[in-house]
Protein backbone atom coordinates (compact mmCIF):
# COMPACT_ATOMS: atom_id res chain seq x y z
CA MET A 1 119.84 49.17 104.72
CA THR A 2 117.65 50.63 107.45
CA ALA A 3 117.87 49.57 111.06
CA LEU A 4 115.51 46.85 112.21
CA LYS A 5 112.94 48.39 114.59
CA ILE A 6 112.00 45.95 117.34
CA ARG A 7 109.48 46.56 120.08
CA LYS A 8 111.14 47.27 123.43
CA ASP A 9 108.64 45.82 125.92
CA ARG A 10 111.06 42.93 126.63
CA SER A 11 114.82 43.23 126.87
CA ALA A 12 117.32 40.95 125.14
CA VAL A 13 118.03 39.26 128.50
CA VAL A 14 114.33 38.51 129.04
CA LEU A 15 114.00 37.13 125.49
CA ARG A 16 117.02 34.84 126.04
CA LYS A 17 115.47 33.54 129.28
CA LEU A 18 112.21 32.89 127.44
CA ALA A 19 114.13 31.09 124.69
CA LYS A 20 115.81 28.89 127.29
CA THR A 21 112.48 27.75 128.75
CA GLU A 22 110.59 27.50 125.46
CA PRO A 23 109.80 23.83 124.61
CA ASN A 24 109.41 24.54 120.87
CA ALA A 25 112.90 24.74 119.32
CA ARG A 26 111.73 26.82 116.36
CA ILE A 27 110.22 29.51 118.58
CA SER A 28 113.31 29.38 120.78
CA ARG A 29 115.55 30.06 117.77
CA ARG A 30 113.38 32.99 116.74
CA LEU A 31 113.53 34.45 120.23
CA LEU A 32 117.32 34.15 120.24
CA ALA A 33 117.60 35.87 116.87
CA ILE A 34 115.45 38.77 118.04
CA ALA A 35 117.43 38.98 121.30
CA ASN A 36 120.67 39.10 119.28
CA ALA A 37 119.30 41.92 117.15
CA LEU A 38 118.12 43.79 120.26
CA SER A 39 121.54 43.50 121.87
CA GLY A 40 123.16 45.34 118.96
CA MET A 41 124.19 42.70 116.41
CA ASN A 42 123.49 43.57 112.81
CA ARG A 43 120.66 41.69 111.11
CA LYS A 44 122.92 39.26 109.23
CA GLN A 45 124.97 38.29 112.30
CA ALA A 46 121.89 37.99 114.53
CA ALA A 47 120.15 35.77 111.99
CA GLU A 48 123.16 33.53 111.29
CA ALA A 49 123.80 33.04 115.01
CA ALA A 50 120.25 31.67 115.30
CA GLY A 51 120.46 29.53 112.14
CA MET A 52 118.39 31.58 109.70
CA ASP A 53 118.92 34.18 107.01
CA ARG A 54 118.40 37.90 107.53
CA GLN A 55 115.18 38.04 105.50
CA ALA A 56 113.64 35.37 107.72
CA LEU A 57 114.70 37.34 110.80
CA ARG A 58 113.07 40.45 109.34
CA ASP A 59 109.82 38.55 108.79
CA TRP A 60 109.84 37.20 112.37
CA VAL A 61 110.57 40.66 113.81
CA ILE A 62 107.58 42.05 111.93
CA ARG A 63 105.37 39.30 113.34
CA TYR A 64 106.83 39.80 116.83
CA ASN A 65 106.16 43.54 116.63
CA ASP A 66 102.56 42.97 115.54
CA HIS A 67 101.56 39.99 117.70
CA GLY A 68 104.16 39.66 120.47
CA LEU A 69 105.34 36.20 121.48
CA ASP A 70 102.26 34.57 119.91
CA GLY A 71 103.42 35.82 116.51
CA LEU A 72 106.53 33.62 116.69
CA ALA A 73 104.56 30.39 116.52
CA ASP A 74 104.02 28.65 113.19
CA GLN A 75 100.58 29.33 111.77
CA TRP A 76 99.65 26.57 109.38
CA GLY A 77 96.78 26.99 107.00
CA ASP A 78 93.74 24.77 106.81
CA GLY A 79 95.13 22.92 103.82
CA ARG A 80 93.41 22.01 100.63
CA PRO A 81 89.62 21.78 100.89
CA THR A 82 88.04 18.38 100.38
CA THR A 83 86.77 17.55 96.92
CA LEU A 84 83.43 16.24 98.16
CA SER A 85 81.30 18.37 100.47
CA SER A 86 80.20 16.92 103.80
CA GLU A 87 76.74 16.19 102.35
CA GLU A 88 78.28 14.35 99.41
CA GLN A 89 80.55 12.39 101.75
CA ALA A 90 77.53 11.41 103.87
CA GLU A 91 75.70 10.28 100.73
CA LEU A 92 78.73 8.22 99.64
CA ILE A 93 78.84 6.55 103.07
CA ASP A 94 75.13 5.73 102.76
CA ILE A 95 75.79 4.17 99.35
CA ILE A 96 78.65 2.08 100.76
CA MET A 97 76.72 0.98 103.83
CA ALA A 98 73.71 -0.02 101.75
CA GLY A 99 76.00 -2.33 99.76
CA CYS A 100 75.91 -3.48 96.19
CA ASN A 101 72.95 -5.04 94.50
CA PRO A 102 74.53 -7.55 92.10
CA GLU A 103 71.34 -7.89 90.07
CA VAL A 104 71.19 -4.14 89.39
CA THR A 105 74.84 -3.05 89.30
CA GLY A 106 76.51 -6.31 88.39
CA LEU A 107 78.97 -5.78 91.28
CA SER A 108 79.35 -8.06 94.28
CA ALA A 109 81.40 -5.53 96.26
CA TYR A 110 82.56 -1.96 95.71
CA THR A 111 86.17 -1.40 94.77
CA LEU A 112 87.89 1.97 94.99
CA GLU A 113 87.60 2.27 91.21
CA ASP A 114 83.85 1.64 91.44
CA LEU A 115 83.47 4.29 94.14
CA ALA A 116 85.49 6.78 92.09
CA ALA A 117 83.15 6.11 89.16
CA ILE A 118 80.14 6.64 91.44
CA CYS A 119 81.60 10.00 92.56
CA ALA A 120 82.06 11.05 88.92
CA GLU A 121 78.57 9.93 87.94
CA ARG A 122 76.61 11.09 90.97
CA PHE A 123 78.53 14.23 92.04
CA GLY A 124 80.31 15.19 88.82
CA LYS A 125 83.71 15.19 90.53
CA GLN A 126 86.67 13.16 89.26
CA LEU A 127 88.63 11.41 92.03
CA HIS A 128 91.54 9.04 91.77
CA PRO A 129 90.81 5.71 93.46
CA TRP A 130 93.62 6.31 95.96
CA SER A 131 92.03 9.63 96.89
CA VAL A 132 88.77 7.80 97.51
CA GLY A 133 90.65 5.34 99.75
CA ARG A 134 92.23 8.17 101.78
CA MET A 135 88.85 9.88 102.13
CA LEU A 136 87.18 6.66 103.32
CA ARG A 137 89.96 6.07 105.84
CA ARG A 138 89.54 9.65 107.12
CA LEU A 139 85.78 9.03 107.43
CA GLY A 140 86.43 5.96 109.60
CA LEU A 141 85.76 3.23 107.04
CA SER A 142 88.19 0.38 106.41
CA ARG A 143 88.95 -1.56 103.26
CA GLN A 144 87.93 -4.88 104.81
CA LYS A 145 85.47 -6.93 102.84
CA THR A 146 83.51 -10.02 103.72
CA ARG A 147 84.96 -13.27 102.52
CA PRO A 148 83.64 -14.24 99.11
CA SER A 149 81.05 -16.97 99.13
CA HIS A 150 80.19 -19.21 96.22
CA PRO A 151 76.58 -18.70 95.12
CA MET A 152 75.94 -22.46 95.03
CA LYS A 153 77.26 -23.03 98.54
CA ASP A 154 74.98 -25.07 100.81
CA PRO A 155 75.40 -23.98 104.46
CA ALA A 156 73.90 -27.22 105.81
CA LYS A 157 76.43 -29.38 103.90
CA ALA A 158 79.29 -27.13 105.05
CA LYS A 159 78.20 -27.46 108.69
CA ALA A 160 77.87 -31.24 108.39
CA PHE A 161 81.32 -31.45 106.78
CA LYS A 162 82.93 -29.49 109.65
CA LYS A 163 81.40 -31.84 112.25
CA SER A 164 82.19 -35.13 110.55
CA PRO A 165 84.52 -37.43 112.58
CA ALA A 166 86.80 -37.93 109.57
CA ASN A 167 87.75 -34.25 109.74
CA LEU A 168 88.58 -34.16 113.46
CA LYS A 169 92.31 -33.95 114.13
CA THR A 170 93.75 -36.37 116.63
CA ASN A 171 97.22 -36.87 118.01
CA SER A 172 97.11 -40.66 117.37
CA VAL A 173 99.18 -40.28 114.23
CA TYR A 174 102.17 -39.11 116.28
CA ALA A 175 101.79 -41.61 119.13
């Protein structure tokens, strides 16, 4: 096992002081492990004292040597790319905002299953309905729908019914 070569621009004391003031506990632990190794502990002892294994310490020392203190921060990737491109997402939003045409599509409102089918038909990309729901939430749309309305409903009769004196609530029953 070869010795771990660590850059010497900061001493173990300085690294411990930095670890003490570091708000991120993960970076603080890494600083302490490197300070332990700098002060003469072997790799296994230095790593275990900081709560990691020696291979992890080796990886952090390499990053510290290459990038300094900035190399000790976690560097997360961008994650999985979206299934639909931004143009396709914009087109899907336009479809949703235009609404259903019951005479053409036979639908009164889009469900997640319907939108997943539209994505498969229009864009050639298979999406699970839950994935469509997550995407719509991320795009700022909600799952709220308008209340269903019976096609034979007469708004004038409904308004007259609401205003009729027989439907007004009074407290005379309890008096």
